[in-house]
Amino acid sequence: MLIGLDPGQALGDHQLHERSWIVVLDGRVRFESGGETIDAGPGYLAWFDADQRHSISTDDGARILLLLAPWPGKGHYHDDAT
């Protein structure tokens, strides 16, 4: 998924059921997870394990590419018993 973040926008503290990889395409973002903060620019690849809490924010705006695997992850749908 291609996500455009406007200046000052954030994807607040959240977690996904899938493992995720995020590539910064342009702009700068701040990744926060587990007490660690990383400021990253174009070409940076970040990854998060399934259910790992994290947030992403930008001061000046950015475009990021989000890849999820497996899709859908276990527990993605509330009635998913697998």
N, C-alpha and C. Protein backbone atom coordinates (compact mmCIF):
# COMPACT_ATOMS: atom_id res chain seq x y z
N MET A 1 0.83 -1.15 0.00
CA MET A 1 0.00 0.00 0.00
C MET A 1 0.89 1.24 0.00
N LEU A 2 0.54 2.20 -0.80
CA LEU A 2 1.25 3.47 -0.81
C LEU A 2 0.51 4.42 0.12
N ILE A 3 1.24 4.99 1.07
CA ILE A 3 0.64 5.89 2.05
C ILE A 3 1.33 7.24 1.96
N GLY A 4 0.54 8.27 1.75
CA GLY A 4 1.05 9.63 1.75
C GLY A 4 0.75 10.29 3.08
N LEU A 5 1.76 10.80 3.73
CA LEU A 5 1.59 11.47 5.01
C LEU A 5 1.82 12.96 4.82
N ASP A 6 0.86 13.77 5.22
CA ASP A 6 0.98 15.22 5.14
C ASP A 6 1.91 15.71 6.26
N PRO A 7 2.46 16.91 6.13
CA PRO A 7 3.29 17.47 7.19
C PRO A 7 2.57 17.43 8.54
N GLY A 8 3.27 16.92 9.55
CA GLY A 8 2.72 16.82 10.89
C GLY A 8 1.82 15.63 11.13
N GLN A 9 1.57 14.82 10.11
CA GLN A 9 0.67 13.68 10.25
C GLN A 9 1.38 12.49 10.88
N ALA A 10 0.62 11.63 11.56
CA ALA A 10 1.19 10.45 12.21
C ALA A 10 0.24 9.27 12.11
N LEU A 11 0.82 8.10 12.07
CA LEU A 11 0.09 6.86 12.28
C LEU A 11 0.43 6.50 13.71
N GLY A 12 -0.44 6.88 14.65
CA GLY A 12 -0.16 6.75 16.07
C GLY A 12 0.11 5.32 16.49
N ASP A 13 0.39 5.13 17.76
CA ASP A 13 0.74 3.84 18.32
C ASP A 13 -0.29 2.78 17.91
N HIS A 14 0.18 1.74 17.23
CA HIS A 14 -0.71 0.69 16.74
C HIS A 14 0.07 -0.60 16.55
N GLN A 15 -0.64 -1.65 16.23
CA GLN A 15 -0.02 -2.92 15.89
C GLN A 15 -0.85 -3.58 14.80
N LEU A 16 -0.20 -4.44 14.03
CA LEU A 16 -0.85 -5.15 12.94
C LEU A 16 -0.77 -6.65 13.20
N HIS A 17 -1.71 -7.40 12.64
CA HIS A 17 -1.68 -8.85 12.80
C HIS A 17 -0.65 -9.50 11.89
N GLU A 18 -0.15 -8.74 10.92
CA GLU A 18 0.82 -9.25 9.96
C GLU A 18 2.19 -8.66 10.24
N ARG A 19 3.23 -9.37 9.79
CA ARG A 19 4.56 -8.77 9.77
C ARG A 19 4.53 -7.67 8.73
N SER A 20 5.20 -6.56 9.00
CA SER A 20 5.15 -5.45 8.04
C SER A 20 6.54 -4.93 7.72
N TRP A 21 6.70 -4.53 6.47
CA TRP A 21 7.91 -3.87 5.99
C TRP A 21 7.47 -2.52 5.46
N ILE A 22 8.24 -1.50 5.78
CA ILE A 22 7.91 -0.14 5.35
C ILE A 22 9.14 0.46 4.70
N VAL A 23 8.98 0.94 3.48
CA VAL A 23 10.06 1.60 2.76
C VAL A 23 9.71 3.08 2.66
N VAL A 24 10.64 3.94 3.06
CA VAL A 24 10.46 5.38 2.91
C VAL A 24 10.80 5.73 1.46
N LEU A 25 9.81 6.22 0.72
CA LEU A 25 10.02 6.56 -0.69
C LEU A 25 10.54 7.98 -0.84
N ASP A 26 9.94 8.92 -0.12
CA ASP A 26 10.46 10.28 -0.11
C ASP A 26 10.01 10.98 1.17
N GLY A 27 10.71 12.05 1.51
CA GLY A 27 10.45 12.73 2.77
C GLY A 27 11.21 12.06 3.91
N ARG A 28 10.87 12.43 5.12
CA ARG A 28 11.50 11.86 6.32
C ARG A 28 10.41 11.43 7.28
N VAL A 29 10.62 10.29 7.94
CA VAL A 29 9.68 9.79 8.94
C VAL A 29 10.43 9.43 10.22
N ARG A 30 9.67 9.33 11.28
CA ARG A 30 10.21 8.91 12.58
C ARG A 30 9.46 7.64 12.98
N PHE A 31 10.21 6.56 13.13
CA PHE A 31 9.66 5.30 13.60
C PHE A 31 9.91 5.20 15.10
N GLU A 32 8.91 4.80 15.86
CA GLU A 32 9.08 4.57 17.29
C GLU A 32 8.50 3.21 17.64
N SER A 33 9.30 2.43 18.37
CA SER A 33 8.86 1.11 18.80
C SER A 33 9.76 0.63 19.93
N GLY A 34 9.15 0.09 20.97
CA GLY A 34 9.92 -0.49 22.06
C GLY A 34 10.90 0.46 22.71
N GLY A 35 10.56 1.74 22.78
CA GLY A 35 11.46 2.72 23.39
C GLY A 35 12.57 3.21 22.48
N GLU A 36 12.61 2.72 21.25
CA GLU A 36 13.64 3.13 20.29
C GLU A 36 13.02 4.06 19.24
N THR A 37 13.74 5.10 18.86
CA THR A 37 13.29 6.05 17.85
C THR A 37 14.32 6.11 16.74
N ILE A 38 13.85 6.04 15.49
CA ILE A 38 14.73 6.12 14.33
C ILE A 38 14.16 7.15 13.38
N ASP A 39 14.97 8.14 13.01
CA ASP A 39 14.62 9.10 11.97
C ASP A 39 15.18 8.58 10.66
N ALA A 40 14.33 8.50 9.64
CA ALA A 40 14.75 7.85 8.40
C ALA A 40 14.31 8.63 7.17
N GLY A 41 15.13 8.54 6.13
CA GLY A 41 14.84 9.20 4.87
C GLY A 41 14.65 8.20 3.75
N PRO A 42 14.62 8.68 2.52
CA PRO A 42 14.37 7.85 1.35
C PRO A 42 15.29 6.63 1.28
N GLY A 43 14.68 5.49 0.97
CA GLY A 43 15.43 4.25 0.83
C GLY A 43 15.51 3.43 2.11
N TYR A 44 15.12 4.01 3.24
CA TYR A 44 15.20 3.27 4.51
C TYR A 44 14.12 2.20 4.56
N LEU A 45 14.50 1.00 5.00
CA LEU A 45 13.58 -0.11 5.15
C LEU A 45 13.44 -0.43 6.63
N ALA A 46 12.22 -0.38 7.13
CA ALA A 46 11.94 -0.76 8.51
C ALA A 46 11.04 -1.98 8.49
N TRP A 47 11.11 -2.82 9.53
CA TRP A 47 10.20 -3.96 9.61
C TRP A 47 9.76 -4.13 11.05
N PHE A 48 8.56 -4.67 11.18
CA PHE A 48 7.95 -4.91 12.48
C PHE A 48 7.34 -6.29 12.48
N ASP A 49 7.54 -7.02 13.56
CA ASP A 49 6.93 -8.33 13.70
C ASP A 49 5.42 -8.18 13.89
N ALA A 50 4.68 -9.23 13.62
CA ALA A 50 3.24 -9.23 13.87
C ALA A 50 3.00 -8.87 15.33
N ASP A 51 2.02 -8.02 15.57
CA ASP A 51 1.60 -7.57 16.90
C ASP A 51 2.63 -6.69 17.62
N GLN A 52 3.69 -6.26 16.94
CA GLN A 52 4.67 -5.35 17.55
C GLN A 52 4.12 -3.93 17.49
N ARG A 53 4.01 -3.28 18.64
CA ARG A 53 3.49 -1.91 18.70
C ARG A 53 4.52 -0.93 18.14
N HIS A 54 4.03 0.04 17.36
CA HIS A 54 4.92 1.04 16.77
C HIS A 54 4.11 2.25 16.33
N SER A 55 4.81 3.33 16.03
CA SER A 55 4.17 4.51 15.47
C SER A 55 5.08 5.08 14.39
N ILE A 56 4.48 5.84 13.49
CA ILE A 56 5.21 6.47 12.39
C ILE A 56 4.71 7.91 12.31
N SER A 57 5.63 8.86 12.24
CA SER A 57 5.23 10.26 12.14
C SER A 57 6.19 11.00 11.21
N THR A 58 5.74 12.17 10.76
CA THR A 58 6.56 13.00 9.90
C THR A 58 6.33 14.47 10.22
N ASP A 59 7.37 15.25 10.20
CA ASP A 59 7.25 16.68 10.41
C ASP A 59 6.95 17.41 9.10
N ASP A 60 7.58 16.96 8.02
CA ASP A 60 7.52 17.68 6.75
C ASP A 60 6.73 16.98 5.66
N GLY A 61 6.20 15.79 5.93
CA GLY A 61 5.48 15.01 4.93
C GLY A 61 6.36 13.92 4.35
N ALA A 62 5.74 12.84 3.91
CA ALA A 62 6.49 11.70 3.36
C ALA A 62 5.55 10.78 2.60
N ARG A 63 6.16 9.94 1.78
CA ARG A 63 5.43 8.83 1.15
C ARG A 63 6.14 7.56 1.57
N ILE A 64 5.35 6.58 2.02
CA ILE A 64 5.91 5.29 2.43
C ILE A 64 5.18 4.17 1.71
N LEU A 65 5.87 3.07 1.52
CA LEU A 65 5.30 1.87 0.92
C LEU A 65 5.19 0.83 2.02
N LEU A 66 4.00 0.31 2.24
CA LEU A 66 3.73 -0.68 3.28
C LEU A 66 3.48 -2.03 2.65
N LEU A 67 4.24 -3.04 3.08
CA LEU A 67 4.07 -4.42 2.62
C LEU A 67 3.71 -5.27 3.83
N LEU A 68 2.67 -6.12 3.70
CA LEU A 68 2.22 -6.97 4.79
C LEU A 68 2.31 -8.43 4.38
N ALA A 69 2.78 -9.29 5.28
CA ALA A 69 2.85 -10.73 4.97
C ALA A 69 2.80 -11.52 6.27
N PRO A 70 2.08 -12.60 6.34
CA PRO A 70 1.12 -13.02 5.32
C PRO A 70 -0.12 -12.14 5.37
N TRP A 71 -0.84 -12.12 4.27
CA TRP A 71 -2.06 -11.31 4.23
C TRP A 71 -3.23 -12.21 3.92
N PRO A 72 -4.25 -12.28 4.71
CA PRO A 72 -4.35 -11.66 6.03
C PRO A 72 -3.63 -12.50 7.07
N GLY A 73 -3.13 -11.86 8.09
CA GLY A 73 -2.44 -12.55 9.18
C GLY A 73 -3.43 -13.22 10.11
N LYS A 74 -2.94 -14.19 10.88
CA LYS A 74 -3.77 -14.90 11.85
C LYS A 74 -4.43 -13.90 12.80
N GLY A 75 -5.74 -14.01 12.94
CA GLY A 75 -6.47 -13.11 13.81
C GLY A 75 -6.86 -11.80 13.16
N HIS A 76 -6.54 -11.64 11.86
CA HIS A 76 -6.86 -10.38 11.18
C HIS A 76 -8.37 -10.12 11.21
N TYR A 77 -9.15 -11.14 10.94
CA TYR A 77 -10.59 -11.00 11.00
C TYR A 77 -11.07 -11.54 12.34
N HIS A 78 -11.99 -10.83 12.97
CA HIS A 78 -12.43 -11.20 14.32
C HIS A 78 -13.04 -12.60 14.38
N ASP A 79 -13.64 -13.09 13.31
CA ASP A 79 -14.24 -14.43 13.33
C ASP A 79 -13.28 -15.49 12.78
N ASP A 80 -12.01 -15.13 12.59
CA ASP A 80 -11.00 -16.03 12.06
C ASP A 80 -10.53 -16.99 13.15
N ALA A 81 -10.82 -18.26 13.02
CA ALA A 81 -10.45 -19.25 14.04
C ALA A 81 -9.09 -19.88 13.75
N THR A 82 -8.45 -19.54 12.62
CA THR A 82 -7.17 -20.17 12.29
C THR A 82 -6.02 -19.44 12.93
